[in-house]
Amino acid sequence: MNQKQIKILGWVASGMSILMYVSYIAQIINNLNGHKGSWIQPAVATINCILWTIYALKTKPMQKAIAAANIPGIFLAAATVFTSF
């Protein structure tokens, strides 16, 4: 693969990652409607997304695709944790 293809692959993978975290919205709705789900997996996902975002923003050059993929996960996974209680 050339650099252009790798960059495209990175952004496509980031889009898929964002869709994965958007899928938490269904669990958040269930939690708010009294059908509580487990808090463990989204708690681990929150920590994972925080670590990947820090890594992506601190590397040289900055890894924008990795950061873009994980920032939504921080908020959506954390919301899933909070609504599960």
Protein backbone atom coordinates (compact mmCIF):
# COMPACT_ATOMS: atom_id res chain seq x y z
CA MET A 1 0.00 0.00 0.00
CA ASN A 2 1.20 3.49 -0.72
CA GLN A 3 0.96 6.37 1.76
CA LYS A 4 -2.23 7.77 0.23
CA GLN A 5 -3.98 4.40 0.55
CA ILE A 6 -2.80 4.00 4.14
CA LYS A 7 -4.11 7.46 5.01
CA ILE A 8 -7.50 6.63 3.45
CA LEU A 9 -7.56 3.32 5.32
CA GLY A 10 -6.87 5.19 8.57
CA TRP A 11 -9.80 7.53 8.06
CA VAL A 12 -12.14 4.69 7.01
CA ALA A 13 -11.14 2.76 10.15
CA SER A 14 -11.73 5.91 12.20
CA GLY A 15 -15.22 6.23 10.73
CA MET A 16 -15.98 2.64 11.67
CA SER A 17 -14.71 3.28 15.18
CA ILE A 18 -17.01 6.28 15.51
CA LEU A 19 -19.95 4.15 14.37
CA MET A 20 -19.02 1.59 17.02
CA TYR A 21 -19.23 4.25 19.73
CA VAL A 22 -22.44 5.73 18.30
CA SER A 23 -23.97 2.30 18.87
CA TYR A 24 -23.77 3.07 22.60
CA ILE A 25 -26.71 5.44 22.11
CA ALA A 26 -29.10 2.46 22.02
CA GLN A 27 -27.74 1.24 25.37
CA ILE A 28 -27.97 4.74 26.85
CA ILE A 29 -31.65 4.87 25.82
CA ASN A 30 -32.24 1.43 27.33
CA ASN A 31 -30.51 2.50 30.54
CA LEU A 32 -32.65 5.62 30.80
CA ASN A 33 -35.78 3.53 30.23
CA GLY A 34 -34.95 1.23 33.13
CA HIS A 35 -33.35 -1.63 31.18
CA LYS A 36 -29.92 -1.27 32.77
CA GLY A 37 -26.90 -2.76 31.05
CA SER A 38 -23.47 -3.58 32.41
CA TRP A 39 -21.17 -0.66 33.14
CA ILE A 40 -17.91 -2.62 32.88
CA GLN A 41 -17.34 -2.71 29.09
CA PRO A 42 -18.17 0.98 28.51
CA ALA A 43 -15.98 1.94 31.50
CA VAL A 44 -13.03 0.11 29.97
CA ALA A 45 -13.83 1.65 26.57
CA THR A 46 -13.80 5.14 28.16
CA ILE A 47 -10.34 4.58 29.62
CA ASN A 48 -9.11 3.04 26.36
CA CYS A 49 -10.38 6.01 24.33
CA ILE A 50 -8.76 8.49 26.72
CA LEU A 51 -5.41 6.72 26.43
CA TRP A 52 -5.58 6.47 22.62
CA THR A 53 -6.57 10.13 22.33
CA ILE A 54 -3.64 11.25 24.50
CA TYR A 55 -1.31 9.05 22.45
CA ALA A 56 -2.65 10.38 19.15
CA LEU A 57 -2.34 14.02 20.20
CA LYS A 58 1.16 13.65 21.66
CA THR A 59 2.83 11.77 18.79
CA LYS A 60 4.84 13.61 16.18
CA PRO A 61 3.29 13.97 13.68
CA MET A 62 -0.08 14.13 15.41
CA GLN A 63 -2.30 11.16 14.54
CA LYS A 64 -5.53 13.01 13.72
CA ALA A 65 -7.40 9.92 12.48
CA ILE A 66 -6.77 8.05 15.75
CA ALA A 67 -7.84 11.05 17.82
CA ALA A 68 -10.98 11.55 15.70
CA ALA A 69 -11.88 7.89 16.17
CA ASN A 70 -11.56 7.95 19.95
CA ILE A 71 -12.87 11.34 21.09
CA PRO A 72 -16.54 10.39 20.50
CA GLY A 73 -15.91 7.16 22.40
CA ILE A 74 -14.82 9.07 25.49
CA PHE A 75 -18.15 10.87 25.74
CA LEU A 76 -20.51 8.15 24.54
CA ALA A 77 -18.92 5.35 26.57
CA ALA A 78 -18.83 7.57 29.68
CA ALA A 79 -22.49 8.47 29.17
CA THR A 80 -23.28 4.76 28.93
CA VAL A 81 -21.48 4.14 32.23
CA PHE A 82 -23.27 6.97 34.04
CA THR A 83 -26.71 6.00 32.79
CA SER A 84 -26.21 2.36 33.79
CA PHE A 85 -26.46 3.19 37.50
